[in-house]
Protein backbone atom coordinates (compact mmCIF):
# COMPACT_ATOMS: atom_id res chain seq x y z
CA MET A 1 104.16 119.53 121.23
CA LYS A 2 101.93 117.09 119.35
CA LYS A 3 102.80 116.55 115.69
CA PHE A 4 100.88 115.62 112.56
CA LYS A 5 101.75 114.74 109.00
CA LEU A 6 100.45 116.07 105.69
CA THR A 7 98.93 113.48 103.37
CA PHE A 8 98.60 114.58 99.74
CA TYR A 9 96.24 113.14 97.14
CA ASN A 10 96.10 114.07 93.46
CA ILE A 11 92.76 113.38 91.77
CA ILE A 12 91.91 113.71 88.09
CA SER A 13 88.36 114.95 87.59
CA PRO A 14 85.91 113.32 85.18
CA ALA A 15 85.87 115.07 81.81
CA GLY A 16 83.90 118.29 81.74
CA LYS A 17 83.64 118.93 85.49
CA VAL A 18 86.90 120.83 85.82
CA PRO A 19 87.88 123.18 82.96
CA GLN A 20 90.88 122.32 80.81
CA LYS A 21 94.06 122.94 82.80
CA GLY A 22 91.82 123.71 85.78
CA HIS A 23 92.84 122.95 89.34
CA PHE A 24 91.74 123.49 92.90
CA ARG A 25 93.14 122.48 96.27
CA LEU A 26 91.25 121.66 99.43
CA VAL A 27 92.37 120.85 102.95
CA PHE A 28 90.33 118.25 104.82
CA LEU A 29 90.36 118.44 108.61
CA SER A 30 88.67 115.66 110.57
CA ASP A 31 88.41 114.54 114.21
CA LEU A 32 90.37 117.34 115.86
CA HIS A 33 88.48 116.66 119.13
CA ASN A 34 89.73 119.89 120.73
CA ILE A 35 93.38 118.84 120.40
CA GLU A 36 95.89 121.72 120.19
CA PHE A 37 99.06 121.94 118.15
CA GLY A 38 100.85 124.83 119.76
CA SER A 39 99.19 127.69 121.58
CA CYS A 40 95.71 128.35 120.09
CA ASN A 41 96.53 125.80 117.37
CA GLU A 42 99.01 128.17 115.75
CA SER A 43 101.09 125.29 114.35
CA LEU A 44 98.04 123.79 112.63
CA LEU A 45 96.87 127.17 111.31
CA ASP A 46 100.35 128.01 110.00
CA SER A 47 100.60 124.66 108.23
CA ILE A 48 97.25 125.20 106.50
CA ALA A 49 98.29 128.72 105.49
CA SER A 50 101.45 127.36 103.85
CA LEU A 51 99.30 125.10 101.64
CA HIS A 52 97.29 127.99 100.12
CA PRO A 53 94.03 126.01 99.83
CA ASP A 54 91.02 127.23 97.88
CA GLY A 55 88.85 125.92 100.68
CA VAL A 56 88.91 124.06 103.99
CA LEU A 57 86.47 121.22 104.59
CA ILE A 58 85.80 120.04 108.15
CA GLY A 59 84.49 116.50 108.36
CA GLY A 60 83.08 116.52 111.89
CA ASP A 61 84.15 115.89 115.49
CA GLN A 62 85.98 119.19 115.63
CA ILE A 63 84.81 119.38 119.25
CA VAL A 64 84.13 116.90 122.05
CA ALA A 65 80.56 116.25 123.23
CA LYS A 66 80.90 115.83 126.96
CA PRO A 67 78.69 117.41 129.64
CA GLY A 68 80.34 120.60 130.85
CA LYS A 69 83.13 120.36 128.27
CA ALA A 70 84.06 123.61 126.51
CA LEU A 71 83.65 123.86 122.73
CA ASP A 72 87.10 125.36 122.33
CA PRO A 73 89.75 125.07 121.05
CA GLY A 74 88.08 123.08 118.25
CA LEU A 75 85.34 125.55 117.42
CA GLU A 76 87.60 128.59 117.76
CA THR A 77 90.08 126.98 115.34
CA ALA A 78 87.30 126.52 112.77
CA ILE A 79 86.20 130.12 113.21
CA ARG A 80 89.74 131.43 112.75
CA LEU A 81 90.11 129.36 109.58
CA SER A 82 86.92 130.91 108.20
CA GLU A 83 88.51 134.35 108.46
CA SER A 84 91.04 133.36 105.79
CA TYR A 85 89.36 130.65 103.68
CA PRO A 86 85.93 129.42 102.68
CA VAL A 87 85.15 126.81 105.37
CA TYR A 88 82.49 124.13 104.92
CA TYR A 89 81.74 122.17 108.06
CA ALA A 90 79.67 118.96 108.28
CA CYS A 91 78.76 117.38 111.58
CA GLY A 92 80.24 114.28 113.12
CA ASN A 93 78.71 112.19 115.85
CA HIS A 94 79.93 114.60 118.54
CA GLU A 95 78.27 117.68 117.02
CA TYR A 96 75.15 115.60 116.40
CA ARG A 97 74.98 114.48 120.04
CA LEU A 98 74.92 118.08 121.23
CA LYS A 99 71.84 118.63 119.07
CA LEU A 100 70.15 115.32 119.88
CA TYR A 101 70.42 115.33 123.68
CA PRO A 102 69.87 118.84 125.11
CA GLU A 103 68.91 117.31 128.44
CA VAL A 104 72.49 115.99 128.70
CA TYR A 105 74.46 118.83 127.13
CA GLN A 106 72.24 121.70 128.28
CA ASN A 107 72.71 124.77 126.05
CA ALA A 108 75.92 123.54 124.36
CA TYR A 109 74.31 123.10 120.94
CA GLN A 110 72.67 126.52 121.15
CA GLU A 111 76.06 128.07 121.95
CA PHE A 112 77.67 126.06 119.16
CA TRP A 113 75.09 127.17 116.60
CA GLU A 114 75.14 130.83 117.67
CA ARG A 115 78.91 130.99 117.29
CA ILE A 116 78.73 129.26 113.90
CA GLU A 117 76.12 131.79 112.71
CA GLU A 118 78.28 134.71 113.85
CA SER A 119 81.23 133.35 111.86
CA ARG A 120 81.85 132.91 108.13
CA ILE A 121 81.56 129.12 108.37
CA THR A 122 79.08 127.35 106.09
CA TYR A 123 77.65 124.62 108.32
CA LEU A 124 75.90 121.85 106.39
CA GLU A 125 73.25 119.67 108.06
CA ASN A 126 71.89 117.56 105.18
CA GLU A 127 72.40 120.56 102.94
CA PHE A 128 74.66 121.44 100.06
CA ALA A 129 76.49 124.58 99.03
CA ASP A 130 77.65 125.54 95.54
CA THR A 131 80.84 127.45 94.94
CA ILE A 132 83.43 128.09 92.25
CA TRP A 133 87.12 127.47 92.88
CA ASN A 134 89.52 128.67 90.18
CA GLY A 135 86.76 128.52 87.60
CA CYS A 136 85.73 125.01 88.70
CA PRO A 137 82.04 124.61 89.72
CA VAL A 138 81.93 122.64 92.97
CA ARG A 139 79.06 121.33 95.09
CA ILE A 140 79.73 120.40 98.74
CA CYS A 141 77.22 118.16 100.51
CA GLY A 142 77.27 117.79 104.29
CA PHE A 143 75.60 114.59 105.50
CA GLU A 144 74.02 114.48 108.95
CA MET A 145 73.80 110.75 109.63
CA LYS A 146 71.05 109.44 111.93
CA ARG A 147 72.02 108.20 115.36
CA GLU A 148 71.36 104.50 114.70
CA TYR A 149 74.06 104.32 112.04
CA TYR A 150 76.63 105.26 114.71
CA ASP A 151 75.44 102.63 117.20
CA ARG A 152 78.30 100.45 118.32
CA PHE A 153 76.69 97.19 117.34
CA TYR A 154 74.74 98.27 114.25
CA ARG A 155 75.80 96.18 111.27
CA GLY A 156 73.06 97.05 108.80
CA THR A 157 73.24 99.14 105.65
CA LEU A 158 72.71 102.81 104.88
CA PRO A 159 70.11 103.24 102.10
CA VAL A 160 71.17 105.46 99.19
CA MET A 161 67.76 107.11 99.55
CA GLU A 162 69.04 108.86 102.71
CA LEU A 163 71.48 110.78 100.51
CA THR A 164 69.18 111.45 97.58
CA GLU A 165 66.48 112.76 99.92
CA ALA A 166 68.98 115.16 101.47
CA PHE A 167 70.79 116.37 98.35
CA GLY A 168 68.98 115.13 95.24
CA GLN A 169 71.03 113.52 92.49
CA PRO A 170 74.58 114.81 91.91
CA ASP A 171 74.74 117.64 89.38
CA PRO A 172 76.58 116.31 86.29
CA LYS A 173 77.98 119.79 85.63
CA ARG A 174 79.54 120.22 89.06
CA TYR A 175 82.34 118.44 90.89
CA THR A 176 80.44 116.98 93.84
CA ILE A 177 82.10 116.46 97.23
CA LEU A 178 80.28 114.52 99.93
CA LEU A 179 81.27 115.03 103.56
CA ALA A 180 80.16 111.85 105.33
CA HIS A 181 81.76 111.39 108.72
CA HIS A 182 81.32 107.61 109.13
CA PRO A 183 83.53 105.71 106.64
CA GLY A 184 81.87 102.32 107.06
CA TYR A 185 79.13 102.87 104.45
CA GLN A 186 81.41 103.18 101.47
CA SER A 187 79.25 101.17 99.06
CA THR A 188 76.37 103.61 99.67
CA TYR A 189 78.59 106.63 99.05
CA PHE A 190 79.87 105.18 95.78
CA SER A 191 76.34 104.28 94.70
CA TYR A 192 75.17 107.82 95.40
CA GLY A 193 77.62 109.09 92.82
CA ALA A 194 79.58 111.96 94.37
CA ASP A 195 82.93 112.47 92.67
CA LEU A 196 84.73 112.62 96.00
CA THR A 197 83.63 111.45 99.45
CA LEU A 198 85.57 112.51 102.54
CA SER A 199 85.27 110.64 105.86
CA GLY A 200 87.02 110.26 109.21
CA HIS A 201 85.61 108.88 112.49
CA TYR A 202 87.77 105.73 112.81
CA HIS A 203 90.93 107.59 113.91
CA GLY A 204 93.04 105.23 111.83
CA GLY A 205 91.87 102.26 113.89
CA VAL A 206 94.07 103.25 116.86
CA VAL A 207 96.83 100.86 115.70
CA ASN A 208 97.83 100.83 112.03
CA ILE A 209 98.10 97.25 110.80
CA GLY A 210 98.08 97.73 107.04
CA LEU A 211 97.45 100.01 104.10
CA HIS A 212 93.81 100.60 105.03
CA ARG A 213 93.21 98.57 108.19
CA GLY A 214 93.40 99.31 111.90
CA LEU A 215 92.92 97.39 115.11
CA VAL A 216 89.52 98.63 116.28
CA SER A 217 86.94 101.26 115.33
CA PRO A 218 84.74 103.42 117.60
CA ASP A 219 81.80 101.11 116.83
CA PHE A 220 83.82 98.11 118.00
CA ARG A 221 84.61 96.61 114.63
CA ILE A 222 87.77 94.53 114.94
CA PHE A 223 90.31 95.00 112.14
CA PRO A 224 88.07 97.43 110.24
CA GLU A 225 89.04 97.97 106.63
CA TYR A 226 87.99 101.57 106.14
CA CYS A 227 90.48 103.30 108.43
CA ARG A 228 92.58 105.47 106.14
CA GLY A 229 93.64 106.11 102.59
CA ILE A 230 92.00 106.40 99.20
CA TYR A 231 89.59 104.02 97.52
CA HIS A 232 88.42 104.13 93.90
CA ARG A 233 85.37 103.00 92.00
CA GLU A 234 85.45 104.01 88.35
CA HIS A 235 86.03 107.79 88.42
CA ARG A 236 84.81 108.18 92.01
CA CYS A 237 87.07 108.43 95.05
CA HIS A 238 86.60 107.95 98.77
CA ILE A 239 89.29 109.40 101.02
CA ILE A 240 89.33 108.45 104.69
CA SER A 241 91.41 110.52 107.07
CA ALA A 242 93.08 108.84 110.04
CA GLY A 243 92.14 112.02 111.89
CA ILE A 244 94.26 114.67 113.50
CA GLY A 245 93.19 114.10 117.11
CA GLU A 246 91.82 111.31 119.23
CA HIS A 247 89.10 110.68 121.79
CA THR A 248 88.02 107.91 124.19
CA ILE A 249 91.08 105.78 123.35
CA PRO A 250 93.89 108.39 123.49
CA VAL A 251 96.42 106.12 121.79
CA ARG A 252 97.90 106.06 118.30
CA ILE A 253 100.44 103.36 117.41
CA HIS A 254 102.16 103.47 114.00
CA ASN A 255 99.22 105.71 113.22
CA PRO A 256 100.29 109.34 112.83
CA ARG A 257 97.80 112.16 113.03
CA GLU A 258 97.15 113.52 109.56
CA LEU A 259 95.94 116.58 107.75
CA VAL A 260 94.65 115.67 104.28
CA VAL A 261 95.40 117.83 101.22
CA VAL A 262 93.56 117.08 97.95
CA ASP A 263 94.50 118.54 94.57
CA VAL A 264 91.84 118.10 91.87
CA THR A 265 92.84 118.65 88.26
CA SER A 266 91.20 118.26 84.85
CA LYS A 267 91.54 115.12 82.80
CA GLN A 268 93.38 117.12 80.15
């Protein structure tokens, strides 16, 4: 059976956003790509249950966009999670492709959306949702990135305006989490001002060759820097998951699959 590791991060919130002695825990699941860990993903579900998270955030590519390819087990796993936890799901490039090219994927996006609507999942397409975890006011923003930013040979920038138009400015009274699937636009995410940004997409660079670097990214960047780990700018953090599955290049060398667990506490 395939295995994965748990990666834990402890983050201290800026003063005033998390009450004194406040705390919440989230699990971040990215790039499952329909991979299964045990029958019906029982091993993955059991591991998440043992962590007792306040919420589960899905960073995209839970499924595989391929003509005729079933949406399960990725979508069914997300639905089952939503029966036990608040689940916030932002799209990756695979979910976005279903929506963008109906002539290729037929009614796959319609099926995807209907099943999401019938579940308890909060699906965020350039939208945000406000919640309270253990007395901590939290805002979760799900960024739907335009197709050109995923193009294999695009090397331009992502304007901050794309984020402000979708979500407005971050609320200074809420701990703001940005789900942005593509990790390569880190400077834009930091400039936007979310307290925590969560990304995936690079699958750890296939081969791990350093603290943050991998061999190659899906957009054909050689030795990309933003493959895994945590980055800081002032009080803001960007966490990049190496992903829990794989796609296209089904290889991982010195690059274990990971499930990310984030504990956020008050400065006090």
